[in-house]
């Protein structure tokens, strides 16, 4: 799938997956939920 075919929450999950693929120990999350609606924010925070 391409980004246009994904919801905002799914796109952020893809971004998180790309950041984690090399197995870093530290992630810098710069306003990672501010562009999402409240329900999706909660889901992404739970995931983190």
ModelCIF file with pLDDT and N, C-alpha, C, O atoms, coordinates in Angstrom:
data_MODEL
#
_entry.id   MODEL 
#
_entity.id                         1 
_entity.type                       polymer 
_entity.pdbx_number_of_molecules   1 
#
_entity_poly.entity_id                      1 
_entity_poly.type                           'polypeptide(L)' 
_entity_poly.nstd_linkage                   no 
_entity_poly.nstd_monomer                   no 
_entity_poly.pdbx_seq_one_letter_code       
;(UNK)(UNK)(UNK)(UNK)(UNK)(UNK)(UNK)(UNK)(UNK)(UNK)(UNK)(UNK)(UNK)(UNK)(UNK)(UNK)
(UNK)(UNK)(UNK)(UNK)(UNK)(UNK)(UNK)(UNK)(UNK)(UNK)(UNK)(UNK)(UNK)(UNK)(UNK)(UNK)
(UNK)(UNK)(UNK)(UNK)(UNK)(UNK)(UNK)(UNK)(UNK)(UNK)(UNK)(UNK)(UNK)(UNK)(UNK)(UNK)
;
_entity_poly.pdbx_seq_one_letter_code_can   XXXXXXXXXXXXXXXXXXXXXXXXXXXXXXXXXXXXXXXXXXXXXXXX 
_entity_poly.pdbx_strand_id                 A 
#
loop_
_entity_poly_seq.entity_id 
_entity_poly_seq.num 
_entity_poly_seq.mon_id 
_entity_poly_seq.hetero 
1 1  UNK n 
1 2  UNK n 
1 3  UNK n 
1 4  UNK n 
1 5  UNK n 
1 6  UNK n 
1 7  UNK n 
1 8  UNK n 
1 9  UNK n 
1 10 UNK n 
1 11 UNK n 
1 12 UNK n 
1 13 UNK n 
1 14 UNK n 
1 15 UNK n 
1 16 UNK n 
1 17 UNK n 
1 18 UNK n 
1 19 UNK n 
1 20 UNK n 
1 21 UNK n 
1 22 UNK n 
1 23 UNK n 
1 24 UNK n 
1 25 UNK n 
1 26 UNK n 
1 27 UNK n 
1 28 UNK n 
1 29 UNK n 
1 30 UNK n 
1 31 UNK n 
1 32 UNK n 
1 33 UNK n 
1 34 UNK n 
1 35 UNK n 
1 36 UNK n 
1 37 UNK n 
1 38 UNK n 
1 39 UNK n 
1 40 UNK n 
1 41 UNK n 
1 42 UNK n 
1 43 UNK n 
1 44 UNK n 
1 45 UNK n 
1 46 UNK n 
1 47 UNK n 
1 48 UNK n 
#
_struct_asym.id          A 
_struct_asym.entity_id   1 
#
loop_
_ma_qa_metric.id 
_ma_qa_metric.mode 
_ma_qa_metric.name 
_ma_qa_metric.software_group_id 
_ma_qa_metric.type 
1 global pLDDT . pLDDT 
2 local  pLDDT . pLDDT 
#
_ma_qa_metric_global.metric_id      1 
_ma_qa_metric_global.metric_value   91.75 
_ma_qa_metric_global.model_id       1 
_ma_qa_metric_global.ordinal_id     1 
#
loop_
_ma_qa_metric_local.label_asym_id 
_ma_qa_metric_local.label_comp_id 
_ma_qa_metric_local.label_seq_id 
_ma_qa_metric_local.metric_id 
_ma_qa_metric_local.metric_value 
_ma_qa_metric_local.model_id 
_ma_qa_metric_local.ordinal_id 
A UNK 1  2 97.00 1 1  
A UNK 2  2 96.00 1 2  
A UNK 3  2 94.00 1 3  
A UNK 4  2 94.00 1 4  
A UNK 5  2 96.00 1 5  
A UNK 6  2 94.00 1 6  
A UNK 7  2 92.00 1 7  
A UNK 8  2 89.00 1 8  
A UNK 9  2 91.00 1 9  
A UNK 10 2 94.00 1 10 
A UNK 11 2 93.00 1 11 
A UNK 12 2 93.00 1 12 
A UNK 13 2 95.00 1 13 
A UNK 14 2 96.00 1 14 
A UNK 15 2 95.00 1 15 
A UNK 16 2 96.00 1 16 
A UNK 17 2 96.00 1 17 
A UNK 18 2 96.00 1 18 
A UNK 19 2 95.00 1 19 
A UNK 20 2 96.00 1 20 
A UNK 21 2 96.00 1 21 
A UNK 22 2 94.00 1 22 
A UNK 23 2 93.00 1 23 
A UNK 24 2 94.00 1 24 
A UNK 25 2 94.00 1 25 
A UNK 26 2 96.00 1 26 
A UNK 27 2 96.00 1 27 
A UNK 28 2 96.00 1 28 
A UNK 29 2 93.00 1 29 
A UNK 30 2 90.00 1 30 
A UNK 31 2 87.00 1 31 
A UNK 32 2 86.00 1 32 
A UNK 33 2 85.00 1 33 
A UNK 34 2 82.00 1 34 
A UNK 35 2 73.00 1 35 
A UNK 36 2 81.00 1 36 
A UNK 37 2 85.00 1 37 
A UNK 38 2 86.00 1 38 
A UNK 39 2 88.00 1 39 
A UNK 40 2 88.00 1 40 
A UNK 41 2 88.00 1 41 
A UNK 42 2 90.00 1 42 
A UNK 43 2 92.00 1 43 
A UNK 44 2 91.00 1 44 
A UNK 45 2 92.00 1 45 
A UNK 46 2 93.00 1 46 
A UNK 47 2 94.00 1 47 
A UNK 48 2 93.00 1 48 
#
loop_
_atom_site.group_PDB 
_atom_site.id 
_atom_site.type_symbol 
_atom_site.label_atom_id 
_atom_site.label_alt_id 
_atom_site.label_comp_id 
_atom_site.label_asym_id 
_atom_site.label_entity_id 
_atom_site.label_seq_id 
_atom_site.pdbx_PDB_ins_code 
_atom_site.Cartn_x 
_atom_site.Cartn_y 
_atom_site.Cartn_z 
_atom_site.occupancy 
_atom_site.B_iso_or_equiv 
_atom_site.pdbx_formal_charge 
_atom_site.auth_seq_id 
_atom_site.auth_comp_id 
_atom_site.auth_asym_id 
_atom_site.auth_atom_id 
_atom_site.pdbx_PDB_model_num 
ATOM 1   N N  . UNK A 1 1  ? 0.825  -1.204 0.000  1.00 97.00 ? 1  UNK A N  1 
ATOM 2   C CA . UNK A 1 1  ? 0.000  0.000  0.000  1.00 97.00 ? 1  UNK A CA 1 
ATOM 3   C C  . UNK A 1 1  ? 0.862  1.259  0.000  1.00 97.00 ? 1  UNK A C  1 
ATOM 4   O O  . UNK A 1 1  ? 2.000  1.258  0.469  1.00 97.00 ? 1  UNK A O  1 
ATOM 5   N N  . UNK A 1 2  ? 0.285  2.330  -0.541 1.00 96.00 ? 2  UNK A N  1 
ATOM 6   C CA . UNK A 1 2  ? 0.946  3.635  -0.542 1.00 96.00 ? 2  UNK A CA 1 
ATOM 7   C C  . UNK A 1 2  ? 0.361  4.507  0.572  1.00 96.00 ? 2  UNK A C  1 
ATOM 8   O O  . UNK A 1 2  ? -0.750 4.246  1.036  1.00 96.00 ? 2  UNK A O  1 
ATOM 9   N N  . UNK A 1 3  ? 1.095  5.543  1.010  1.00 94.00 ? 3  UNK A N  1 
ATOM 10  C CA . UNK A 1 3  ? 0.604  6.382  2.105  1.00 94.00 ? 3  UNK A CA 1 
ATOM 11  C C  . UNK A 1 3  ? -0.813 6.902  1.915  1.00 94.00 ? 3  UNK A C  1 
ATOM 12  O O  . UNK A 1 3  ? -1.577 6.976  2.877  1.00 94.00 ? 3  UNK A O  1 
ATOM 13  N N  . UNK A 1 4  ? -1.176 7.265  0.682  1.00 94.00 ? 4  UNK A N  1 
ATOM 14  C CA . UNK A 1 4  ? -2.515 7.815  0.445  1.00 94.00 ? 4  UNK A CA 1 
ATOM 15  C C  . UNK A 1 4  ? -3.612 6.803  0.727  1.00 94.00 ? 4  UNK A C  1 
ATOM 16  O O  . UNK A 1 4  ? -4.775 7.174  0.886  1.00 94.00 ? 4  UNK A O  1 
ATOM 17  N N  . UNK A 1 5  ? -3.253 5.533  0.790  1.00 96.00 ? 5  UNK A N  1 
ATOM 18  C CA . UNK A 1 5  ? -4.227 4.478  1.053  1.00 96.00 ? 5  UNK A CA 1 
ATOM 19  C C  . UNK A 1 5  ? -4.341 4.138  2.543  1.00 96.00 ? 5  UNK A C  1 
ATOM 20  O O  . UNK A 1 5  ? -5.080 3.227  2.918  1.00 96.00 ? 5  UNK A O  1 
ATOM 21  N N  . UNK A 1 6  ? -3.617 4.864  3.383  1.00 94.00 ? 6  UNK A N  1 
ATOM 22  C CA . UNK A 1 6  ? -3.589 4.583  4.815  1.00 94.00 ? 6  UNK A CA 1 
ATOM 23  C C  . UNK A 1 6  ? -4.236 5.715  5.604  1.00 94.00 ? 6  UNK A C  1 
ATOM 24  O O  . UNK A 1 6  ? -4.255 6.863  5.160  1.00 94.00 ? 6  UNK A O  1 
ATOM 25  N N  . UNK A 1 7  ? -4.761 5.383  6.767  1.00 92.00 ? 7  UNK A N  1 
ATOM 26  C CA . UNK A 1 7  ? -5.247 6.403  7.688  1.00 92.00 ? 7  UNK A CA 1 
ATOM 27  C C  . UNK A 1 7  ? -4.063 7.088  8.361  1.00 92.00 ? 7  UNK A C  1 
ATOM 28  O O  . UNK A 1 7  ? -2.929 6.620  8.255  1.00 92.00 ? 7  UNK A O  1 
ATOM 29  N N  . UNK A 1 8  ? -4.324 8.197  9.052  1.00 89.00 ? 8  UNK A N  1 
ATOM 30  C CA . UNK A 1 8  ? -3.257 8.907  9.744  1.00 89.00 ? 8  UNK A CA 1 
ATOM 31  C C  . UNK A 1 8  ? -2.568 8.051  10.787 1.00 89.00 ? 8  UNK A C  1 
ATOM 32  O O  . UNK A 1 8  ? -1.343 8.072  10.907 1.00 89.00 ? 8  UNK A O  1 
ATOM 33  N N  . UNK A 1 9  ? -3.357 7.295  11.542 1.00 91.00 ? 9  UNK A N  1 
ATOM 34  C CA . UNK A 1 9  ? -2.772 6.419  12.550 1.00 91.00 ? 9  UNK A CA 1 
ATOM 35  C C  . UNK A 1 9  ? -1.907 5.334  11.955 1.00 91.00 ? 9  UNK A C  1 
ATOM 36  O O  . UNK A 1 9  ? -0.856 4.998  12.502 1.00 91.00 ? 9  UNK A O  1 
ATOM 37  N N  . UNK A 1 10 ? -2.346 4.779  10.826 1.00 94.00 ? 10 UNK A N  1 
ATOM 38  C CA . UNK A 1 10 ? -1.561 3.742  10.155 1.00 94.00 ? 10 UNK A CA 1 
ATOM 39  C C  . UNK A 1 10 ? -0.264 4.324  9.602  1.00 94.00 ? 10 UNK A C  1 
ATOM 40  O O  . UNK A 1 10 ? 0.784  3.682  9.667  1.00 94.00 ? 10 UNK A O  1 
ATOM 41  N N  . UNK A 1 11 ? -0.333 5.533  9.061  1.00 93.00 ? 11 UNK A N  1 
ATOM 42  C CA . UNK A 1 11 ? 0.894  6.168  8.560  1.00 93.00 ? 11 UNK A CA 1 
ATOM 43  C C  . UNK A 1 11 ? 1.901  6.367  9.683  1.00 93.00 ? 11 UNK A C  1 
ATOM 44  O O  . UNK A 1 11 ? 3.097  6.144  9.496  1.00 93.00 ? 11 UNK A O  1 
ATOM 45  N N  . UNK A 1 12 ? 1.414  6.788  10.856 1.00 93.00 ? 12 UNK A N  1 
ATOM 46  C CA . UNK A 1 12 ? 2.356  6.987  11.955 1.00 93.00 ? 12 UNK A CA 1 
ATOM 47  C C  . UNK A 1 12 ? 2.937  5.657  12.420 1.00 93.00 ? 12 UNK A C  1 
ATOM 48  O O  . UNK A 1 12 ? 4.088  5.610  12.852 1.00 93.00 ? 12 UNK A O  1 
ATOM 49  N N  . UNK A 1 13 ? 2.169  4.582  12.341 1.00 95.00 ? 13 UNK A N  1 
ATOM 50  C CA . UNK A 1 13 ? 2.698  3.256  12.675 1.00 95.00 ? 13 UNK A CA 1 
ATOM 51  C C  . UNK A 1 13 ? 3.789  2.842  11.680 1.00 95.00 ? 13 UNK A C  1 
ATOM 52  O O  . UNK A 1 13 ? 4.771  2.205  12.062 1.00 95.00 ? 13 UNK A O  1 
ATOM 53  N N  . UNK A 1 14 ? 3.616  3.201  10.417 1.00 96.00 ? 14 UNK A N  1 
ATOM 54  C CA . UNK A 1 14 ? 4.654  2.921  9.424  1.00 96.00 ? 14 UNK A CA 1 
ATOM 55  C C  . UNK A 1 14 ? 5.920  3.708  9.754  1.00 96.00 ? 14 UNK A C  1 
ATOM 56  O O  . UNK A 1 14 ? 7.027  3.176  9.665  1.00 96.00 ? 14 UNK A O  1 
ATOM 57  N N  . UNK A 1 15 ? 5.755  4.976  10.136 1.00 95.00 ? 15 UNK A N  1 
ATOM 58  C CA . UNK A 1 15 ? 6.910  5.800  10.510 1.00 95.00 ? 15 UNK A CA 1 
ATOM 59  C C  . UNK A 1 15 ? 7.649  5.200  11.700 1.00 95.00 ? 15 UNK A C  1 
ATOM 60  O O  . UNK A 1 15 ? 8.879  5.187  11.735 1.00 95.00 ? 15 UNK A O  1 
ATOM 61  N N  . UNK A 1 16 ? 6.892  4.705  12.671 1.00 96.00 ? 16 UNK A N  1 
ATOM 62  C CA . UNK A 1 16 ? 7.498  4.078  13.853 1.00 96.00 ? 16 UNK A CA 1 
ATOM 63  C C  . UNK A 1 16 ? 8.229  2.803  13.454 1.00 96.00 ? 16 UNK A C  1 
ATOM 64  O O  . UNK A 1 16 ? 9.327  2.533  13.940 1.00 96.00 ? 16 UNK A O  1 
ATOM 65  N N  . UNK A 1 17 ? 7.619  2.018  12.568 1.00 96.00 ? 17 UNK A N  1 
ATOM 66  C CA . UNK A 1 17 ? 8.261  0.780  12.102 1.00 96.00 ? 17 UNK A CA 1 
ATOM 67  C C  . UNK A 1 17 ? 9.577  1.083  11.396 1.00 96.00 ? 17 UNK A C  1 
ATOM 68  O O  . UNK A 1 17 ? 10.573 0.396  11.621 1.00 96.00 ? 17 UNK A O  1 
ATOM 69  N N  . UNK A 1 18 ? 9.588  2.114  10.538 1.00 96.00 ? 18 UNK A N  1 
ATOM 70  C CA . UNK A 1 18 ? 10.818 2.480  9.825  1.00 96.00 ? 18 UNK A CA 1 
ATOM 71  C C  . UNK A 1 18 ? 11.899 2.945  10.792 1.00 96.00 ? 18 UNK A C  1 
ATOM 72  O O  . UNK A 1 18 ? 13.083 2.688  10.576 1.00 96.00 ? 18 UNK A O  1 
ATOM 73  N N  . UNK A 1 19 ? 11.491 3.629  11.860 1.00 95.00 ? 19 UNK A N  1 
ATOM 74  C CA . UNK A 1 19 ? 12.452 4.087  12.861 1.00 95.00 ? 19 UNK A CA 1 
ATOM 75  C C  . UNK A 1 19 ? 13.020 2.931  13.678 1.00 95.00 ? 19 UNK A C  1 
ATOM 76  O O  . UNK A 1 19 ? 14.158 2.998  14.144 1.00 95.00 ? 19 UNK A O  1 
ATOM 77  N N  . UNK A 1 20 ? 12.235 1.875  13.852 1.00 96.00 ? 20 UNK A N  1 
ATOM 78  C CA . UNK A 1 20 ? 12.645 0.752  14.705 1.00 96.00 ? 20 UNK A CA 1 
ATOM 79  C C  . UNK A 1 20 ? 13.340 -0.382 13.962 1.00 96.00 ? 20 UNK A C  1 
ATOM 80  O O  . UNK A 1 20 ? 13.894 -1.280 14.596 1.00 96.00 ? 20 UNK A O  1 
ATOM 81  N N  . UNK A 1 21 ? 13.323 -0.358 12.641 1.00 96.00 ? 21 UNK A N  1 
ATOM 82  C CA . UNK A 1 21 ? 13.777 -1.513 11.869 1.00 96.00 ? 21 UNK A CA 1 
ATOM 83  C C  . UNK A 1 21 ? 15.248 -1.848 12.131 1.00 96.00 ? 21 UNK A C  1 
ATOM 84  O O  . UNK A 1 21 ? 15.639 -3.010 12.020 1.00 96.00 ? 21 UNK A O  1 
ATOM 85  N N  . UNK A 1 22 ? 16.065 -0.856 12.475 1.00 94.00 ? 22 UNK A N  1 
ATOM 86  C CA . UNK A 1 22 ? 17.478 -1.105 12.766 1.00 94.00 ? 22 UNK A CA 1 
ATOM 87  C C  . UNK A 1 22 ? 17.730 -1.329 14.262 1.00 94.00 ? 22 UNK A C  1 
ATOM 88  O O  . UNK A 1 22 ? 18.876 -1.393 14.706 1.00 94.00 ? 22 UNK A O  1 
ATOM 89  N N  . UNK A 1 23 ? 16.650 -1.447 15.021 1.00 93.00 ? 23 UNK A N  1 
ATOM 90  C CA . UNK A 1 23 ? 16.699 -1.780 16.455 1.00 93.00 ? 23 UNK A CA 1 
ATOM 91  C C  . UNK A 1 23 ? 17.525 -0.789 17.283 1.00 93.00 ? 23 UNK A C  1 
ATOM 92  O O  . UNK A 1 23 ? 18.446 -1.189 17.996 1.00 93.00 ? 23 UNK A O  1 
ATOM 93  N N  . UNK A 1 24 ? 17.196 0.495  17.188 1.00 94.00 ? 24 UNK A N  1 
ATOM 94  C CA . UNK A 1 24 ? 17.873 1.474  18.046 1.00 94.00 ? 24 UNK A CA 1 
ATOM 95  C C  . UNK A 1 24 ? 17.405 1.299  19.490 1.00 94.00 ? 24 UNK A C  1 
ATOM 96  O O  . UNK A 1 24 ? 16.379 0.670  19.748 1.00 94.00 ? 24 UNK A O  1 
ATOM 97  N N  . UNK A 1 25 ? 18.167 1.859  20.420 1.00 94.00 ? 25 UNK A N  1 
ATOM 98  C CA . UNK A 1 25 ? 17.743 1.853  21.822 1.00 94.00 ? 25 UNK A CA 1 
ATOM 99  C C  . UNK A 1 25 ? 17.025 3.143  22.189 1.00 94.00 ? 25 UNK A C  1 
ATOM 100 O O  . UNK A 1 25 ? 16.313 3.204  23.191 1.00 94.00 ? 25 UNK A O  1 
ATOM 101 N N  . UNK A 1 26 ? 17.219 4.180  21.364 1.00 96.00 ? 26 UNK A N  1 
ATOM 102 C CA . UNK A 1 26 ? 16.625 5.490  21.664 1.00 96.00 ? 26 UNK A CA 1 
ATOM 103 C C  . UNK A 1 26 ? 15.851 6.005  20.460 1.00 96.00 ? 26 UNK A C  1 
ATOM 104 O O  . UNK A 1 26 ? 16.357 6.010  19.338 1.00 96.00 ? 26 UNK A O  1 
ATOM 105 N N  . UNK A 1 27 ? 14.616 6.441  20.705 1.00 96.00 ? 27 UNK A N  1 
ATOM 106 C CA . UNK A 1 27 ? 13.817 7.119  19.700 1.00 96.00 ? 27 UNK A CA 1 
ATOM 107 C C  . UNK A 1 27 ? 13.581 8.557  20.138 1.00 96.00 ? 27 UNK A C  1 
ATOM 108 O O  . UNK A 1 27 ? 13.280 8.824  21.301 1.00 96.00 ? 27 UNK A O  1 
ATOM 109 N N  . UNK A 1 28 ? 13.722 9.477  19.192 1.00 96.00 ? 28 UNK A N  1 
ATOM 110 C CA . UNK A 1 28 ? 13.311 10.860 19.420 1.00 96.00 ? 28 UNK A CA 1 
ATOM 111 C C  . UNK A 1 28 ? 11.972 11.036 18.725 1.00 96.00 ? 28 UNK A C  1 
ATOM 112 O O  . UNK A 1 28 ? 11.873 10.914 17.504 1.00 96.00 ? 28 UNK A O  1 
ATOM 113 N N  . UNK A 1 29 ? 10.947 11.322 19.511 1.00 93.00 ? 29 UNK A N  1 
ATOM 114 C CA . UNK A 1 29 ? 9.588  11.474 18.984 1.00 93.00 ? 29 UNK A CA 1 
ATOM 115 C C  . UNK A 1 29 ? 9.221  12.951 19.047 1.00 93.00 ? 29 UNK A C  1 
ATOM 116 O O  . UNK A 1 29 ? 8.956  13.483 20.125 1.00 93.00 ? 29 UNK A O  1 
ATOM 117 N N  . UNK A 1 30 ? 9.205  13.613 17.896 1.00 90.00 ? 30 UNK A N  1 
ATOM 118 C CA . UNK A 1 30 ? 8.955  15.051 17.825 1.00 90.00 ? 30 UNK A CA 1 
ATOM 119 C C  . UNK A 1 30 ? 7.488  15.300 17.507 1.00 90.00 ? 30 UNK A C  1 
ATOM 120 O O  . UNK A 1 30 ? 7.075  15.218 16.350 1.00 90.00 ? 30 UNK A O  1 
ATOM 121 N N  . UNK A 1 31 ? 6.704  15.604 18.533 1.00 87.00 ? 31 UNK A N  1 
ATOM 122 C CA . UNK A 1 31 ? 5.256  15.828 18.384 1.00 87.00 ? 31 UNK A CA 1 
ATOM 123 C C  . UNK A 1 31 ? 4.600  14.665 17.635 1.00 87.00 ? 31 UNK A C  1 
ATOM 124 O O  . UNK A 1 31 ? 3.899  14.900 16.651 1.00 87.00 ? 31 UNK A O  1 
ATOM 125 N N  . UNK A 1 32 ? 4.805  13.423 18.069 1.00 86.00 ? 32 UNK A N  1 
ATOM 126 C CA . UNK A 1 32 ? 4.385  12.282 17.253 1.00 86.00 ? 32 UNK A CA 1 
ATOM 127 C C  . UNK A 1 32 ? 2.880  12.065 17.148 1.00 86.00 ? 32 UNK A C  1 
ATOM 128 O O  . UNK A 1 32 ? 2.430  11.296 16.298 1.00 86.00 ? 32 UNK A O  1 
ATOM 129 N N  . UNK A 1 33 ? 2.088  12.729 18.000 1.00 85.00 ? 33 UNK A N  1 
ATOM 130 C CA . UNK A 1 33 ? 0.634  12.517 17.933 1.00 85.00 ? 33 UNK A CA 1 
ATOM 131 C C  . UNK A 1 33 ? -0.141 13.805 17.694 1.00 85.00 ? 33 UNK A C  1 
ATOM 132 O O  . UNK A 1 33 ? -1.371 13.779 17.659 1.00 85.00 ? 33 UNK A O  1 
ATOM 133 N N  . UNK A 1 34 ? 0.546  14.929 17.530 1.00 82.00 ? 34 UNK A N  1 
ATOM 134 C CA . UNK A 1 34 ? -0.160 16.211 17.447 1.00 82.00 ? 34 UNK A CA 1 
ATOM 135 C C  . UNK A 1 34 ? -1.000 16.348 16.177 1.00 82.00 ? 34 UNK A C  1 
ATOM 136 O O  . UNK A 1 34 ? -1.952 17.128 16.153 1.00 82.00 ? 34 UNK A O  1 
ATOM 137 N N  . UNK A 1 35 ? -0.663 15.601 15.122 1.00 73.00 ? 35 UNK A N  1 
ATOM 138 C CA . UNK A 1 35 ? -1.417 15.696 13.865 1.00 73.00 ? 35 UNK A CA 1 
ATOM 139 C C  . UNK A 1 35 ? -2.560 14.680 13.794 1.00 73.00 ? 35 UNK A C  1 
ATOM 140 O O  . UNK A 1 35 ? -3.230 14.565 12.767 1.00 73.00 ? 35 UNK A O  1 
ATOM 141 N N  . UNK A 1 36 ? -2.779 13.944 14.886 1.00 81.00 ? 36 UNK A N  1 
ATOM 142 C CA . UNK A 1 36 ? -3.789 12.885 14.895 1.00 81.00 ? 36 UNK A CA 1 
ATOM 143 C C  . UNK A 1 36 ? -4.974 13.287 15.763 1.00 81.00 ? 36 UNK A C  1 
ATOM 144 O O  . UNK A 1 36 ? -4.840 14.104 16.673 1.00 81.00 ? 36 UNK A O  1 
ATOM 145 N N  . UNK A 1 37 ? -6.145 12.700 15.469 1.00 85.00 ? 37 UNK A N  1 
ATOM 146 C CA . UNK A 1 37 ? -7.289 13.003 16.327 1.00 85.00 ? 37 UNK A CA 1 
ATOM 147 C C  . UNK A 1 37 ? -7.138 12.289 17.672 1.00 85.00 ? 37 UNK A C  1 
ATOM 148 O O  . UNK A 1 37 ? -6.279 11.420 17.825 1.00 85.00 ? 37 UNK A O  1 
ATOM 149 N N  . UNK A 1 38 ? -7.963 12.653 18.628 1.00 86.00 ? 38 UNK A N  1 
ATOM 150 C CA . UNK A 1 38 ? -7.764 12.239 20.016 1.00 86.00 ? 38 UNK A CA 1 
ATOM 151 C C  . UNK A 1 38 ? -7.776 10.722 20.177 1.00 86.00 ? 38 UNK A C  1 
ATOM 152 O O  . UNK A 1 38 ? -6.954 10.170 20.909 1.00 86.00 ? 38 UNK A O  1 
ATOM 153 N N  . UNK A 1 39 ? -8.689 10.052 19.506 1.00 88.00 ? 39 UNK A N  1 
ATOM 154 C CA . UNK A 1 39 ? -8.780 8.595  19.634 1.00 88.00 ? 39 UNK A CA 1 
ATOM 155 C C  . UNK A 1 39 ? -7.522 7.920  19.107 1.00 88.00 ? 39 UNK A C  1 
ATOM 156 O O  . UNK A 1 39 ? -6.990 7.009  19.741 1.00 88.00 ? 39 UNK A O  1 
ATOM 157 N N  . UNK A 1 40 ? -7.048 8.365  17.955 1.00 88.00 ? 40 UNK A N  1 
ATOM 158 C CA . UNK A 1 40 ? -5.849 7.781  17.357 1.00 88.00 ? 40 UNK A CA 1 
ATOM 159 C C  . UNK A 1 40 ? -4.618 8.150  18.182 1.00 88.00 ? 40 UNK A C  1 
ATOM 160 O O  . UNK A 1 40 ? -3.694 7.346  18.305 1.00 88.00 ? 40 UNK A O  1 
ATOM 161 N N  . UNK A 1 41 ? -4.597 9.355  18.745 1.00 88.00 ? 41 UNK A N  1 
ATOM 162 C CA . UNK A 1 41 ? -3.502 9.738  19.645 1.00 88.00 ? 41 UNK A CA 1 
ATOM 163 C C  . UNK A 1 41 ? -3.332 8.711  20.749 1.00 88.00 ? 41 UNK A C  1 
ATOM 164 O O  . UNK A 1 41 ? -2.221 8.257  21.023 1.00 88.00 ? 41 UNK A O  1 
ATOM 165 N N  . UNK A 1 42 ? -4.438 8.347  21.380 1.00 90.00 ? 42 UNK A N  1 
ATOM 166 C CA . UNK A 1 42 ? -4.387 7.392  22.492 1.00 90.00 ? 42 UNK A CA 1 
ATOM 167 C C  . UNK A 1 42 ? -3.841 6.047  22.031 1.00 90.00 ? 42 UNK A C  1 
ATOM 168 O O  . UNK A 1 42 ? -3.075 5.410  22.754 1.00 90.00 ? 42 UNK A O  1 
ATOM 169 N N  . UNK A 1 43 ? -4.225 5.611  20.836 1.00 92.00 ? 43 UNK A N  1 
ATOM 170 C CA . UNK A 1 43 ? -3.750 4.331  20.311 1.00 92.00 ? 43 UNK A CA 1 
ATOM 171 C C  . UNK A 1 43 ? -2.240 4.369  20.067 1.00 92.00 ? 43 UNK A C  1 
ATOM 172 O O  . UNK A 1 43 ? -1.534 3.413  20.390 1.00 92.00 ? 43 UNK A O  1 
ATOM 173 N N  . UNK A 1 44 ? -1.745 5.469  19.500 1.00 91.00 ? 44 UNK A N  1 
ATOM 174 C CA . UNK A 1 44 ? -0.306 5.581  19.218 1.00 91.00 ? 44 UNK A CA 1 
ATOM 175 C C  . UNK A 1 44 ? 0.488  5.685  20.516 1.00 91.00 ? 44 UNK A C  1 
ATOM 176 O O  . UNK A 1 44 ? 1.561  5.092  20.631 1.00 91.00 ? 44 UNK A O  1 
ATOM 177 N N  . UNK A 1 45 ? -0.021 6.427  21.490 1.00 92.00 ? 45 UNK A N  1 
ATOM 178 C CA . UNK A 1 45 ? 0.649  6.510  22.789 1.00 92.00 ? 45 UNK A CA 1 
ATOM 179 C C  . UNK A 1 45 ? 0.722  5.144  23.459 1.00 92.00 ? 45 UNK A C  1 
ATOM 180 O O  . UNK A 1 45 ? 1.749  4.783  24.035 1.00 92.00 ? 45 UNK A O  1 
ATOM 181 N N  . UNK A 1 46 ? -0.369 4.385  23.383 1.00 93.00 ? 46 UNK A N  1 
ATOM 182 C CA . UNK A 1 46 ? -0.364 3.023  23.936 1.00 93.00 ? 46 UNK A CA 1 
ATOM 183 C C  . UNK A 1 46 ? 0.694  2.171  23.239 1.00 93.00 ? 46 UNK A C  1 
ATOM 184 O O  . UNK A 1 46 ? 1.406  1.401  23.883 1.00 93.00 ? 46 UNK A O  1 
ATOM 185 N N  . UNK A 1 47 ? 0.788  2.318  21.911 1.00 94.00 ? 47 UNK A N  1 
ATOM 186 C CA . UNK A 1 47 ? 1.784  1.555  21.151 1.00 94.00 ? 47 UNK A CA 1 
ATOM 187 C C  . UNK A 1 47 ? 3.200  1.916  21.599 1.00 94.00 ? 47 UNK A C  1 
ATOM 188 O O  . UNK A 1 47 ? 4.024  1.028  21.817 1.00 94.00 ? 47 UNK A O  1 
ATOM 189 N N  . UNK A 1 48 ? 3.486  3.201  21.736 1.00 93.00 ? 48 UNK A N  1 
ATOM 190 C CA . UNK A 1 48 ? 4.830  3.618  22.163 1.00 93.00 ? 48 UNK A CA 1 
ATOM 191 C C  . UNK A 1 48 ? 5.153  3.059  23.548 1.00 93.00 ? 48 UNK A C  1 
ATOM 192 O O  . UNK A 1 48 ? 6.239  3.303  24.074 1.00 93.00 ? 48 UNK A O  1 
#
